[in-house]
Amino acid sequence: MSQAPERLNLWPYHQTNETGRVHLVGEHNSPDQLLIDLLGPVFREYRQAWRASEKFDFRPDWPMHLDVDTNYTCNLRCVMCPLGVSGFPVSYPQRFLDFDLYETVITEGAANGLASIRLGITGEPLLRSDILDFVRLAKEKRIPDIMLITNGMRLEPAMSRALIEAGLTRLMVSIDAATPETYNRIRIGGDLNRVVRHVLDFLKLRREMNTRLPLLRVSFVKMSFNEAEIEEFEKFWADKADYISFQEYANLLERPDTAYFPTRRHQAVSFRCPDPWQRMSLYVNGDLFPCCSDFGRLAPVGNAYDTPVAEVWLGAGTEYFRQIHKNGHWRESSVCRRCALSSTVF
């Protein structure tokens, strides 16, 4: 008999398919505090605005954070990813985001308060030969928080050094397992020993270069066939990573045979998502959507090739998503309903 789902206090919010629990190593009590110490007032002001938006009473004139789909290609076929499973209803004939479009959007954002970007939504950014140009441009435009998410397979020491020198603020490595056997079941085509070696080499380089940035986050999506390794994973990385993110599984195909939920799932007591008040995703074909969920690909609110991001951000489509979450009516949207119900118990 399965256990009852874990009940959480979800106010001001709990991101349904992102961080369920964060473990931070060292004397700081949050990644935010660590970055405030390293980046100073500009980061503090950004995070204060972020917290205000979580309460649905502050909407900036431009998204504070931008997720960038640098490419819709990957060297792995993970069981929880649209690129890893067949049947997800959205794919793109255009596989790589045009750098010129990225430059246009980042330039617009830098002039209007953009404080954070994450390179990588679905694809593996390190497959791009010009990925360092993405980081350098964001640094040149003085974006305070520059993140990159990777599976680590191509994180060789030369790449690690280049990312550090380019000005990356956070390196996020998705791992999801503590043993090769479990890793091979989830991250098909990968090699856990190689990834761990690359991450340890990165940490060694960071020490040798006498820098604290980029912070290292390792992440673990909780599923039925890896939940027994949560403690082992945390124990291994606790004295290595700056923080560890344990995330909720989202059943993207919405099928019983892909319902890889762990025994103990988060239960949403009063879920409302602040994403439309904070962030926007730029997909590889230029589509824009005001959240980070893959389900957002189903109903873009605009396209950056046709319309400035500010216009999309302030437009009726994005405002609709803000209001349904502010008022607790998120079930009205098929996109929000599918995202939430595919990852969280209600």
C-alpha atoms as a PDB file:
ATOM      1  CA  MET A   1       0.000   0.000   0.000  1.00  0.00           C
ATOM      2  CA  SER A   2       1.481   3.387  -1.006  1.00  0.00           C
ATOM      3  CA  GLN A   3       2.017   6.124   1.526  1.00  0.00           C
ATOM      4  CA  ALA A   4      -0.111   9.263   1.585  1.00  0.00           C
ATOM      5  CA  PRO A   5       1.402  12.183  -0.316  1.00  0.00           C
ATOM      6  CA  GLU A   6       3.560  14.576   1.651  1.00  0.00           C
ATOM      7  CA  ARG A   7       1.660  17.764   2.542  1.00  0.00           C
ATOM      8  CA  LEU A   8       3.524  21.023   2.163  1.00  0.00           C
ATOM      9  CA  ASN A   9       2.845  24.614   3.020  1.00  0.00           C
ATOM     10  CA  LEU A  10       2.832  26.029  -0.492  1.00  0.00           C
ATOM     11  CA  TRP A  11       2.315  29.699   0.262  1.00  0.00           C
ATOM     12  CA  PRO A  12       3.559  31.913  -1.229  1.00  0.00           C
ATOM     13  CA  TYR A  13       3.970  29.267  -3.908  1.00  0.00           C
ATOM     14  CA  HIS A  14       5.380  25.934  -4.855  1.00  0.00           C
ATOM     15  CA  GLN A  15       6.612  25.477  -8.398  1.00  0.00           C
ATOM     16  CA  THR A  16       4.842  22.349  -9.565  1.00  0.00           C
ATOM     17  CA  ASN A  17       7.559  20.962 -11.783  1.00  0.00           C
ATOM     18  CA  GLU A  18      10.656  22.639 -10.459  1.00  0.00           C
ATOM     19  CA  THR A  19      12.297  22.794  -7.043  1.00  0.00           C
ATOM     20  CA  GLY A  20      10.638  20.770  -4.308  1.00  0.00           C
ATOM     21  CA  ARG A  21      13.510  21.032  -1.844  1.00  0.00           C
ATOM     22  CA  VAL A  22      16.859  22.802  -1.957  1.00  0.00           C
ATOM     23  CA  HIS A  23      19.815  21.828   0.185  1.00  0.00           C
ATOM     24  CA  LEU A  24      22.509  24.494   0.473  1.00  0.00           C
ATOM     25  CA  VAL A  25      25.990  23.655   1.656  1.00  0.00           C
ATOM     26  CA  GLY A  26      27.855  25.935   4.031  1.00  0.00           C
ATOM     27  CA  GLU A  27      26.944  28.882   6.198  1.00  0.00           C
ATOM     28  CA  HIS A  28      24.317  30.469   3.957  1.00  0.00           C
ATOM     29  CA  ASN A  29      20.652  29.586   4.191  1.00  0.00           C
ATOM     30  CA  SER A  30      19.753  30.115   0.536  1.00  0.00           C
ATOM     31  CA  PRO A  31      21.350  30.410  -2.902  1.00  0.00           C
ATOM     32  CA  ASP A  32      19.954  33.951  -2.944  1.00  0.00           C
ATOM     33  CA  GLN A  33      21.934  34.945   0.138  1.00  0.00           C
ATOM     34  CA  LEU A  34      25.090  33.444  -1.272  1.00  0.00           C
ATOM     35  CA  LEU A  35      24.695  35.414  -4.499  1.00  0.00           C
ATOM     36  CA  ILE A  36      23.806  38.609  -2.637  1.00  0.00           C
ATOM     37  CA  ASP A  37      27.123  38.262  -0.821  1.00  0.00           C
ATOM     38  CA  LEU A  38      28.945  37.724  -4.109  1.00  0.00           C
ATOM     39  CA  LEU A  39      27.092  40.107  -6.455  1.00  0.00           C
ATOM     40  CA  GLY A  40      25.984  42.843  -4.068  1.00  0.00           C
ATOM     41  CA  PRO A  41      23.013  45.242  -4.065  1.00  0.00           C
ATOM     42  CA  VAL A  42      21.992  44.690  -7.694  1.00  0.00           C
ATOM     43  CA  PHE A  43      21.223  41.064  -6.948  1.00  0.00           C
ATOM     44  CA  ARG A  44      19.528  41.901  -3.645  1.00  0.00           C
ATOM     45  CA  GLU A  45      17.193  44.371  -5.373  1.00  0.00           C
ATOM     46  CA  TYR A  46      16.353  41.839  -8.057  1.00  0.00           C
ATOM     47  CA  ARG A  47      15.453  39.166  -5.519  1.00  0.00           C
ATOM     48  CA  GLN A  48      13.395  41.616  -3.474  1.00  0.00           C
ATOM     49  CA  ALA A  49      11.367  42.364  -6.599  1.00  0.00           C
ATOM     50  CA  TRP A  50      11.083  38.631  -7.236  1.00  0.00           C
ATOM     51  CA  ARG A  51       9.659  38.049  -3.784  1.00  0.00           C
ATOM     52  CA  ALA A  52       7.156  40.876  -4.245  1.00  0.00           C
ATOM     53  CA  SER A  53       5.961  39.310  -7.497  1.00  0.00           C
ATOM     54  CA  GLU A  54       5.420  35.980  -5.712  1.00  0.00           C
ATOM     55  CA  LYS A  55       2.624  37.694  -3.789  1.00  0.00           C
ATOM     56  CA  PHE A  56       0.947  38.798  -7.036  1.00  0.00           C
ATOM     57  CA  ASP A  57       1.214  42.503  -6.230  1.00  0.00           C
ATOM     58  CA  PHE A  58       4.179  43.502  -8.397  1.00  0.00           C
ATOM     59  CA  ARG A  59       4.494  43.219 -12.159  1.00  0.00           C
ATOM     60  CA  PRO A  60       7.677  44.581 -13.757  1.00  0.00           C
ATOM     61  CA  ASP A  61       7.589  46.146 -17.220  1.00  0.00           C
ATOM     62  CA  TRP A  62       9.818  43.372 -18.598  1.00  0.00           C
ATOM     63  CA  PRO A  63      10.326  39.810 -17.312  1.00  0.00           C
ATOM     64  CA  MET A  64      12.947  39.631 -14.581  1.00  0.00           C
ATOM     65  CA  HIS A  65      14.101  36.211 -15.776  1.00  0.00           C
ATOM     66  CA  LEU A  66      14.357  34.687 -19.244  1.00  0.00           C
ATOM     67  CA  ASP A  67      14.703  30.979 -20.020  1.00  0.00           C
ATOM     68  CA  VAL A  68      16.388  30.516 -23.394  1.00  0.00           C
ATOM     69  CA  ASP A  69      15.868  27.430 -25.545  1.00  0.00           C
ATOM     70  CA  THR A  70      19.316  27.648 -27.174  1.00  0.00           C
ATOM     71  CA  ASN A  71      18.757  24.429 -29.121  1.00  0.00           C
ATOM     72  CA  TYR A  72      16.222  21.648 -29.437  1.00  0.00           C
ATOM     73  CA  THR A  73      18.845  18.910 -29.747  1.00  0.00           C
ATOM     74  CA  CYS A  74      20.379  16.606 -27.167  1.00  0.00           C
ATOM     75  CA  ASN A  75      22.931  13.824 -26.831  1.00  0.00           C
ATOM     76  CA  LEU A  76      20.735  11.928 -24.320  1.00  0.00           C
ATOM     77  CA  ARG A  77      17.209  10.538 -24.377  1.00  0.00           C
ATOM     78  CA  CYS A  78      15.907  11.027 -20.843  1.00  0.00           C
ATOM     79  CA  VAL A  79      12.602   9.474 -19.805  1.00  0.00           C
ATOM     80  CA  MET A  80      11.150  12.745 -18.437  1.00  0.00           C
ATOM     81  CA  CYS A  81      12.022  14.995 -21.386  1.00  0.00           C
ATOM     82  CA  PRO A  82      10.142  15.909 -24.594  1.00  0.00           C
ATOM     83  CA  LEU A  83      13.315  15.109 -26.542  1.00  0.00           C
ATOM     84  CA  GLY A  84      13.675  11.762 -24.822  1.00  0.00           C
ATOM     85  CA  VAL A  85      10.161  10.384 -25.209  1.00  0.00           C
ATOM     86  CA  SER A  86       8.101  10.047 -28.348  1.00  0.00           C
ATOM     87  CA  GLY A  87       4.610  11.470 -28.411  1.00  0.00           C
ATOM     88  CA  PHE A  88       4.951  14.976 -26.991  1.00  0.00           C
ATOM     89  CA  PRO A  89       2.773  17.116 -29.291  1.00  0.00           C
ATOM     90  CA  VAL A  90       5.291  19.916 -29.967  1.00  0.00           C
ATOM     91  CA  SER A  91       8.610  19.691 -31.789  1.00  0.00           C
ATOM     92  CA  TYR A  92      10.530  22.126 -33.963  1.00  0.00           C
ATOM     93  CA  PRO A  93      11.977  21.804 -37.454  1.00  0.00           C
ATOM     94  CA  GLN A  94      14.269  24.698 -36.486  1.00  0.00           C
ATOM     95  CA  ARG A  95      16.749  23.092 -34.111  1.00  0.00           C
ATOM     96  CA  PHE A  96      18.940  26.040 -33.113  1.00  0.00           C
ATOM     97  CA  LEU A  97      17.913  29.459 -31.840  1.00  0.00           C
ATOM     98  CA  ASP A  98      19.258  32.214 -34.077  1.00  0.00           C
ATOM     99  CA  PHE A  99      21.978  34.068 -32.216  1.00  0.00           C
ATOM    100  CA  ASP A 100      20.852  37.334 -33.813  1.00  0.00           C
ATOM    101  CA  LEU A 101      17.398  36.905 -32.268  1.00  0.00           C
ATOM    102  CA  TYR A 102      18.978  36.128 -28.905  1.00  0.00           C
ATOM    103  CA  GLU A 103      21.080  39.290 -29.162  1.00  0.00           C
ATOM    104  CA  THR A 104      18.015  41.363 -30.007  1.00  0.00           C
ATOM    105  CA  VAL A 105      16.067  39.995 -27.054  1.00  0.00           C
ATOM    106  CA  ILE A 106      18.942  40.265 -24.564  1.00  0.00           C
ATOM    107  CA  THR A 107      19.669  43.819 -25.658  1.00  0.00           C
ATOM    108  CA  GLU A 108      16.013  44.739 -25.154  1.00  0.00           C
ATOM    109  CA  GLY A 109      15.989  43.016 -21.784  1.00  0.00           C
ATOM    110  CA  ALA A 110      19.193  44.616 -20.531  1.00  0.00           C
ATOM    111  CA  ALA A 111      17.684  48.034 -21.183  1.00  0.00           C
ATOM    112  CA  ASN A 112      14.507  47.139 -19.306  1.00  0.00           C
ATOM    113  CA  GLY A 113      15.557  45.403 -16.106  1.00  0.00           C
ATOM    114  CA  LEU A 114      16.297  41.822 -17.144  1.00  0.00           C
ATOM    115  CA  ALA A 115      18.236  40.406 -14.185  1.00  0.00           C
ATOM    116  CA  SER A 116      18.583  36.715 -14.884  1.00  0.00           C
ATOM    117  CA  ILE A 117      18.810  34.284 -17.791  1.00  0.00           C
ATOM    118  CA  ARG A 118      19.056  30.523 -17.987  1.00  0.00           C
ATOM    119  CA  LEU A 119      20.589  29.000 -21.094  1.00  0.00           C
ATOM    120  CA  GLY A 120      18.855  25.707 -21.804  1.00  0.00           C
ATOM    121  CA  ILE A 121      15.243  24.624 -21.457  1.00  0.00           C
ATOM    122  CA  THR A 122      15.022  21.251 -23.141  1.00  0.00           C
ATOM    123  CA  GLY A 123      18.090  20.810 -25.337  1.00  0.00           C
ATOM    124  CA  GLU A 124      21.720  20.416 -24.284  1.00  0.00           C
ATOM    125  CA  PRO A 125      23.368  23.874 -24.621  1.00  0.00           C
ATOM    126  CA  LEU A 126      26.911  22.510 -24.772  1.00  0.00           C
ATOM    127  CA  LEU A 127      26.106  20.963 -28.154  1.00  0.00           C
ATOM    128  CA  ARG A 128      26.251  24.496 -29.589  1.00  0.00           C
ATOM    129  CA  SER A 129      29.724  25.420 -30.821  1.00  0.00           C
ATOM    130  CA  ASP A 130      28.951  29.073 -30.043  1.00  0.00           C
ATOM    131  CA  ILE A 131      27.441  28.617 -26.579  1.00  0.00           C
ATOM    132  CA  LEU A 132      30.205  30.719 -24.998  1.00  0.00           C
ATOM    133  CA  ASP A 133      29.065  33.650 -27.138  1.00  0.00           C
ATOM    134  CA  PHE A 134      25.654  33.411 -25.428  1.00  0.00           C
ATOM    135  CA  VAL A 135      27.296  33.674 -22.008  1.00  0.00           C
ATOM    136  CA  ARG A 136      29.675  36.456 -23.047  1.00  0.00           C
ATOM    137  CA  LEU A 137      26.909  38.566 -24.528  1.00  0.00           C
ATOM    138  CA  ALA A 138      24.849  38.335 -21.341  1.00  0.00           C
ATOM    139  CA  LYS A 139      27.927  39.318 -19.341  1.00  0.00           C
ATOM    140  CA  GLU A 140      28.627  42.211 -21.721  1.00  0.00           C
ATOM    141  CA  LYS A 141      25.026  43.395 -21.267  1.00  0.00           C
ATOM    142  CA  ARG A 142      25.531  43.254 -17.475  1.00  0.00           C
ATOM    143  CA  ILE A 143      22.870  40.666 -16.743  1.00  0.00           C
ATOM    144  CA  PRO A 144      23.585  39.896 -13.060  1.00  0.00           C
ATOM    145  CA  ASP A 145      22.643  36.198 -12.958  1.00  0.00           C
ATOM    146  CA  ILE A 146      23.716  34.048 -15.928  1.00  0.00           C
ATOM    147  CA  MET A 147      22.830  30.351 -15.640  1.00  0.00           C
ATOM    148  CA  LEU A 148      23.441  27.345 -17.847  1.00  0.00           C
ATOM    149  CA  ILE A 149      21.842  23.942 -17.396  1.00  0.00           C
ATOM    150  CA  THR A 150      23.582  20.854 -18.774  1.00  0.00           C
ATOM    151  CA  ASN A 151      23.655  17.084 -18.523  1.00  0.00           C
ATOM    152  CA  GLY A 152      27.414  17.360 -18.011  1.00  0.00           C
ATOM    153  CA  MET A 153      28.473  14.955 -20.729  1.00  0.00           C
ATOM    154  CA  ARG A 154      30.344  17.692 -22.618  1.00  0.00           C
ATOM    155  CA  LEU A 155      31.590  19.531 -19.558  1.00  0.00           C
ATOM    156  CA  GLU A 156      35.252  18.768 -20.197  1.00  0.00           C
ATOM    157  CA  PRO A 157      37.832  20.862 -18.307  1.00  0.00           C
ATOM    158  CA  ALA A 158      38.436  23.162 -21.296  1.00  0.00           C
ATOM    159  CA  MET A 159      34.719  23.964 -21.427  1.00  0.00           C
ATOM    160  CA  SER A 160      34.539  24.453 -17.663  1.00  0.00           C
ATOM    161  CA  ARG A 161      37.425  26.911 -17.790  1.00  0.00           C
ATOM    162  CA  ALA A 162      35.858  28.786 -20.692  1.00  0.00           C
ATOM    163  CA  LEU A 163      32.496  29.057 -18.911  1.00  0.00           C
ATOM    164  CA  ILE A 164      34.173  30.412 -15.789  1.00  0.00           C
ATOM    165  CA  GLU A 165      36.139  32.958 -17.816  1.00  0.00           C
ATOM    166  CA  ALA A 166      33.049  33.971 -19.812  1.00  0.00           C
ATOM    167  CA  GLY A 167      31.266  35.086 -16.640  1.00  0.00           C
ATOM    168  CA  LEU A 168      28.753  32.333 -15.905  1.00  0.00           C
ATOM    169  CA  THR A 169      27.046  32.808 -12.537  1.00  0.00           C
ATOM    170  CA  ARG A 170      25.468  29.371 -12.030  1.00  0.00           C
ATOM    171  CA  LEU A 171      26.282  25.993 -13.531  1.00  0.00           C
ATOM    172  CA  MET A 172      23.347  23.600 -13.181  1.00  0.00           C
ATOM    173  CA  VAL A 173      24.066  19.916 -13.788  1.00  0.00           C
ATOM    174  CA  SER A 174      21.160  17.478 -14.065  1.00  0.00           C
ATOM    175  CA  ILE A 175      22.115  14.045 -12.728  1.00  0.00           C
ATOM    176  CA  ASP A 176      19.069  12.333 -11.123  1.00  0.00           C
ATOM    177  CA  ALA A 177      20.810   9.255  -9.730  1.00  0.00           C
ATOM    178  CA  ALA A 178      23.474   8.006  -7.359  1.00  0.00           C
ATOM    179  CA  THR A 179      24.326   4.748  -9.121  1.00  0.00           C
ATOM    180  CA  PRO A 180      25.184   3.970 -12.755  1.00  0.00           C
ATOM    181  CA  GLU A 181      22.381   1.419 -12.980  1.00  0.00           C
ATOM    182  CA  THR A 182      19.675   3.931 -12.078  1.00  0.00           C
ATOM    183  CA  TYR A 183      21.311   6.680 -14.115  1.00  0.00           C
ATOM    184  CA  ASN A 184      21.327   4.475 -17.229  1.00  0.00           C
ATOM    185  CA  ARG A 185      17.602   3.827 -16.827  1.00  0.00           C
ATOM    186  CA  ILE A 186      16.785   7.542 -16.650  1.00  0.00           C
ATOM    187  CA  ARG A 187      19.452   9.317 -18.714  1.00  0.00           C
ATOM    188  CA  ILE A 188      19.692   7.016 -21.693  1.00  0.00           C
ATOM    189  CA  GLY A 189      22.950   7.448 -23.595  1.00  0.00           C
ATOM    190  CA  GLY A 190      24.795   9.084 -20.706  1.00  0.00           C
ATOM    191  CA  ASP A 191      27.602   7.958 -18.428  1.00  0.00           C
ATOM    192  CA  LEU A 192      27.352   8.793 -14.717  1.00  0.00           C
ATOM    193  CA  ASN A 193      31.054   8.262 -14.019  1.00  0.00           C
ATOM    194  CA  ARG A 194      31.980  10.638 -16.834  1.00  0.00           C
ATOM    195  CA  VAL A 195      29.559  13.318 -15.598  1.00  0.00           C
ATOM    196  CA  VAL A 196      30.788  13.078 -12.009  1.00  0.00           C
ATOM    197  CA  ARG A 197      34.394  13.299 -13.191  1.00  0.00           C
ATOM    198  CA  HIS A 198      33.576  16.391 -15.236  1.00  0.00           C
ATOM    199  CA  VAL A 199      31.849  18.069 -12.296  1.00  0.00           C
ATOM    200  CA  LEU A 200      34.724  17.316  -9.925  1.00  0.00           C
ATOM    201  CA  ASP A 201      37.172  18.659 -12.504  1.00  0.00           C
ATOM    202  CA  PHE A 202      35.065  21.830 -12.711  1.00  0.00           C
ATOM    203  CA  LEU A 203      35.265  22.283  -8.944  1.00  0.00           C
ATOM    204  CA  LYS A 204      39.015  21.755  -9.013  1.00  0.00           C
ATOM    205  CA  LEU A 205      39.389  24.355 -11.755  1.00  0.00           C
ATOM    206  CA  ARG A 206      37.216  26.831  -9.883  1.00  0.00           C
ATOM    207  CA  ARG A 207      39.452  26.501  -6.833  1.00  0.00           C
ATOM    208  CA  GLU A 208      42.607  26.853  -8.911  1.00  0.00           C
ATOM    209  CA  MET A 209      41.218  29.980 -10.574  1.00  0.00           C
ATOM    210  CA  ASN A 210      40.424  31.412  -7.131  1.00  0.00           C
ATOM    211  CA  THR A 211      36.812  32.247  -7.921  1.00  0.00           C
ATOM    212  CA  ARG A 212      33.531  31.426  -6.219  1.00  0.00           C
ATOM    213  CA  LEU A 213      31.501  31.656  -9.425  1.00  0.00           C
ATOM    214  CA  PRO A 214      29.779  30.020 -11.082  1.00  0.00           C
ATOM    215  CA  LEU A 215      27.905  28.364  -8.243  1.00  0.00           C
ATOM    216  CA  LEU A 216      27.329  24.669  -8.782  1.00  0.00           C
ATOM    217  CA  ARG A 217      23.835  23.234  -8.535  1.00  0.00           C
ATOM    218  CA  VAL A 218      23.222  19.526  -9.012  1.00  0.00           C
ATOM    219  CA  SER A 219      19.646  18.371  -9.489  1.00  0.00           C
ATOM    220  CA  PHE A 220      17.588  15.253  -8.995  1.00  0.00           C
ATOM    221  CA  VAL A 221      14.109  14.716 -10.464  1.00  0.00           C
ATOM    222  CA  LYS A 222      12.292  12.391  -8.065  1.00  0.00           C
ATOM    223  CA  MET A 223      10.792   9.304  -9.734  1.00  0.00           C
ATOM    224  CA  SER A 224       9.665   5.842  -8.749  1.00  0.00           C
ATOM    225  CA  PHE A 225      12.902   4.204  -9.825  1.00  0.00           C
ATOM    226  CA  ASN A 226      15.352   6.658  -8.253  1.00  0.00           C
ATOM    227  CA  GLU A 227      13.643   7.732  -5.019  1.00  0.00           C
ATOM    228  CA  ALA A 228      15.576   5.112  -3.036  1.00  0.00           C
ATOM    229  CA  GLU A 229      18.786   6.977  -3.938  1.00  0.00           C
ATOM    230  CA  ILE A 230      17.778  10.443  -2.705  1.00  0.00           C
ATOM    231  CA  GLU A 231      19.740  10.208   0.543  1.00  0.00           C
ATOM    232  CA  GLU A 232      22.779   8.674  -1.147  1.00  0.00           C
ATOM    233  CA  PHE A 233      22.732  11.415  -3.785  1.00  0.00           C
ATOM    234  CA  GLU A 234      22.529  14.145  -1.157  1.00  0.00           C
ATOM    235  CA  LYS A 235      25.259  12.583   0.939  1.00  0.00           C
ATOM    236  CA  PHE A 236      27.649  12.386  -2.015  1.00  0.00           C
ATOM    237  CA  TRP A 237      27.109  15.961  -3.201  1.00  0.00           C
ATOM    238  CA  ALA A 238      26.632  17.712   0.168  1.00  0.00           C
ATOM    239  CA  ASP A 239      30.318  18.610   0.538  1.00  0.00           C
ATOM    240  CA  LYS A 240      30.802  19.386  -3.167  1.00  0.00           C
ATOM    241  CA  ALA A 241      27.888  21.313  -4.679  1.00  0.00           C
ATOM    242  CA  ASP A 242      26.851  24.781  -3.558  1.00  0.00           C
ATOM    243  CA  TYR A 243      23.264  23.616  -3.540  1.00  0.00           C
ATOM    244  CA  ILE A 244      21.212  20.582  -4.444  1.00  0.00           C
ATOM    245  CA  SER A 245      17.795  20.783  -6.039  1.00  0.00           C
ATOM    246  CA  PHE A 246      15.245  18.002  -5.664  1.00  0.00           C
ATOM    247  CA  GLN A 247      12.522  18.461  -8.263  1.00  0.00           C
ATOM    248  CA  GLU A 248       9.074  17.073  -8.976  1.00  0.00           C
ATOM    249  CA  TYR A 249       8.514  14.726 -11.911  1.00  0.00           C
ATOM    250  CA  ALA A 250       6.079  15.898 -14.594  1.00  0.00           C
ATOM    251  CA  ASN A 251       4.286  13.270 -16.677  1.00  0.00           C
ATOM    252  CA  LEU A 252       4.541  15.103 -20.005  1.00  0.00           C
ATOM    253  CA  LEU A 253       2.762  12.405 -21.993  1.00  0.00           C
ATOM    254  CA  GLU A 254      -0.043  12.199 -19.403  1.00  0.00           C
ATOM    255  CA  ARG A 255      -0.222   8.409 -19.813  1.00  0.00           C
ATOM    256  CA  PRO A 256      -0.456   5.735 -17.115  1.00  0.00           C
ATOM    257  CA  ASP A 257       2.638   3.971 -18.462  1.00  0.00           C
ATOM    258  CA  THR A 258       4.727   7.174 -18.074  1.00  0.00           C
ATOM    259  CA  ALA A 259       3.485   8.014 -14.572  1.00  0.00           C
ATOM    260  CA  TYR A 260       6.888   7.561 -12.925  1.00  0.00           C
ATOM    261  CA  PHE A 261       5.877   9.383  -9.760  1.00  0.00           C
ATOM    262  CA  PRO A 262       7.693   8.590  -6.505  1.00  0.00           C
ATOM    263  CA  THR A 263       5.838   6.965  -3.644  1.00  0.00           C
ATOM    264  CA  ARG A 264       5.740  10.212  -1.706  1.00  0.00           C
ATOM    265  CA  ARG A 265       4.554  13.099  -3.881  1.00  0.00           C
ATOM    266  CA  HIS A 266       4.053  16.722  -2.977  1.00  0.00           C
ATOM    267  CA  GLN A 267       0.459  17.637  -2.330  1.00  0.00           C
ATOM    268  CA  ALA A 268      -0.569  21.145  -3.331  1.00  0.00           C
ATOM    269  CA  VAL A 269      -2.840  22.680  -0.712  1.00  0.00           C
ATOM    270  CA  SER A 270      -3.424  26.055  -2.380  1.00  0.00           C
ATOM    271  CA  PHE A 271      -1.381  26.175  -5.536  1.00  0.00           C
ATOM    272  CA  ARG A 272      -0.962  29.439  -7.461  1.00  0.00           C
ATOM    273  CA  CYS A 273       1.955  29.933  -9.848  1.00  0.00           C
ATOM    274  CA  PRO A 274       3.780  33.303  -9.962  1.00  0.00           C
ATOM    275  CA  ASP A 275       5.719  32.517 -13.149  1.00  0.00           C
ATOM    276  CA  PRO A 276       3.659  34.870 -15.369  1.00  0.00           C
ATOM    277  CA  TRP A 277       4.611  37.711 -13.014  1.00  0.00           C
ATOM    278  CA  GLN A 278       8.328  36.948 -13.147  1.00  0.00           C
ATOM    279  CA  ARG A 279       9.627  35.132 -16.172  1.00  0.00           C
ATOM    280  CA  MET A 280       9.284  34.243 -19.810  1.00  0.00           C
ATOM    281  CA  SER A 281      10.591  31.391 -21.964  1.00  0.00           C
ATOM    282  CA  LEU A 282      12.056  32.001 -25.412  1.00  0.00           C
ATOM    283  CA  TYR A 283      11.767  28.847 -27.475  1.00  0.00           C
ATOM    284  CA  VAL A 284      14.020  27.847 -30.342  1.00  0.00           C
ATOM    285  CA  ASN A 285      11.526  29.040 -32.988  1.00  0.00           C
ATOM    286  CA  GLY A 286      11.026  32.424 -31.284  1.00  0.00           C
ATOM    287  CA  ASP A 287       7.813  31.518 -29.464  1.00  0.00           C
ATOM    288  CA  LEU A 288       7.294  33.110 -26.039  1.00  0.00           C
ATOM    289  CA  PHE A 289       5.401  31.800 -23.027  1.00  0.00           C
ATOM    290  CA  PRO A 290       5.249  33.187 -19.451  1.00  0.00           C
ATOM    291  CA  CYS A 291       6.469  30.128 -17.546  1.00  0.00           C
ATOM    292  CA  CYS A 292       9.138  27.433 -17.611  1.00  0.00           C
ATOM    293  CA  SER A 293       6.934  24.378 -18.144  1.00  0.00           C
ATOM    294  CA  ASP A 294       7.217  22.322 -21.322  1.00  0.00           C
ATOM    295  CA  PHE A 295       3.436  22.468 -21.522  1.00  0.00           C
ATOM    296  CA  GLY A 296       3.829  26.171 -22.321  1.00  0.00           C
ATOM    297  CA  ARG A 297       4.994  25.164 -25.799  1.00  0.00           C
ATOM    298  CA  LEU A 298       1.376  24.212 -26.522  1.00  0.00           C
ATOM    299  CA  ALA A 299       0.039  27.781 -26.385  1.00  0.00           C
ATOM    300  CA  PRO A 300       2.634  30.530 -26.971  1.00  0.00           C
ATOM    301  CA  VAL A 301       1.448  34.081 -26.289  1.00  0.00           C
ATOM    302  CA  GLY A 302       3.657  35.655 -28.951  1.00  0.00           C
ATOM    303  CA  ASN A 303       6.787  35.264 -31.054  1.00  0.00           C
ATOM    304  CA  ALA A 304       9.964  37.308 -30.670  1.00  0.00           C
ATOM    305  CA  TYR A 305      10.561  37.361 -34.420  1.00  0.00           C
ATOM    306  CA  ASP A 306       7.350  39.330 -34.862  1.00  0.00           C
ATOM    307  CA  THR A 307       6.873  41.270 -31.620  1.00  0.00           C
ATOM    308  CA  PRO A 308       9.182  42.846 -29.011  1.00  0.00           C
ATOM    309  CA  VAL A 309       9.230  40.879 -25.761  1.00  0.00           C
ATOM    310  CA  ALA A 310       7.937  43.923 -23.839  1.00  0.00           C
ATOM    311  CA  GLU A 311       4.821  43.999 -25.993  1.00  0.00           C
ATOM    312  CA  VAL A 312       4.181  40.289 -25.467  1.00  0.00           C
ATOM    313  CA  TRP A 313       4.889  40.614 -21.732  1.00  0.00           C
ATOM    314  CA  LEU A 314       2.379  43.443 -21.337  1.00  0.00           C
ATOM    315  CA  GLY A 315      -0.127  41.927 -23.751  1.00  0.00           C
ATOM    316  CA  ALA A 316      -3.507  40.371 -23.099  1.00  0.00           C
ATOM    317  CA  GLY A 317      -2.278  36.788 -23.486  1.00  0.00           C
ATOM    318  CA  THR A 318       0.288  37.068 -20.706  1.00  0.00           C
ATOM    319  CA  GLU A 319      -2.028  39.133 -18.513  1.00  0.00           C
ATOM    320  CA  TYR A 320      -4.622  36.370 -18.729  1.00  0.00           C
ATOM    321  CA  PHE A 321      -2.196  33.932 -17.111  1.00  0.00           C
ATOM    322  CA  ARG A 322      -1.308  36.455 -14.405  1.00  0.00           C
ATOM    323  CA  GLN A 323      -4.896  36.987 -13.419  1.00  0.00           C
ATOM    324  CA  ILE A 324      -6.010  33.347 -13.335  1.00  0.00           C
ATOM    325  CA  HIS A 325      -3.203  32.581 -10.893  1.00  0.00           C
ATOM    326  CA  LYS A 326      -3.705  35.692  -8.808  1.00  0.00           C
ATOM    327  CA  ASN A 327      -7.380  34.810  -8.451  1.00  0.00           C
ATOM    328  CA  GLY A 328      -6.856  31.088  -8.002  1.00  0.00           C
ATOM    329  CA  HIS A 329      -8.562  30.193 -11.302  1.00  0.00           C
ATOM    330  CA  TRP A 330      -5.603  28.479 -12.962  1.00  0.00           C
ATOM    331  CA  ARG A 331      -7.692  25.407 -13.793  1.00  0.00           C
ATOM    332  CA  GLU A 332      -9.416  27.506 -16.467  1.00  0.00           C
ATOM    333  CA  SER A 333      -6.297  27.184 -18.616  1.00  0.00           C
ATOM    334  CA  SER A 334      -5.704  23.828 -20.239  1.00  0.00           C
ATOM    335  CA  VAL A 335      -1.953  24.553 -20.239  1.00  0.00           C
ATOM    336  CA  CYS A 336      -1.782  25.346 -16.510  1.00  0.00           C
ATOM    337  CA  ARG A 337      -4.140  22.511 -15.640  1.00  0.00           C
ATOM    338  CA  ARG A 338      -2.109  19.975 -17.579  1.00  0.00           C
ATOM    339  CA  CYS A 339       1.155  21.210 -16.073  1.00  0.00           C
ATOM    340  CA  ALA A 340      -0.075  21.195 -12.483  1.00  0.00           C
ATOM    341  CA  LEU A 341      -2.054  17.951 -12.594  1.00  0.00           C
ATOM    342  CA  SER A 342       0.775  16.138 -14.372  1.00  0.00           C
ATOM    343  CA  SER A 343       3.244  16.867 -11.570  1.00  0.00           C
ATOM    344  CA  THR A 344       1.467  17.563  -8.277  1.00  0.00           C
ATOM    345  CA  VAL A 345      -1.202  15.857  -6.164  1.00  0.00           C
ATOM    346  CA  PHE A 346      -4.250  18.028  -5.370  1.00  0.00           C
END
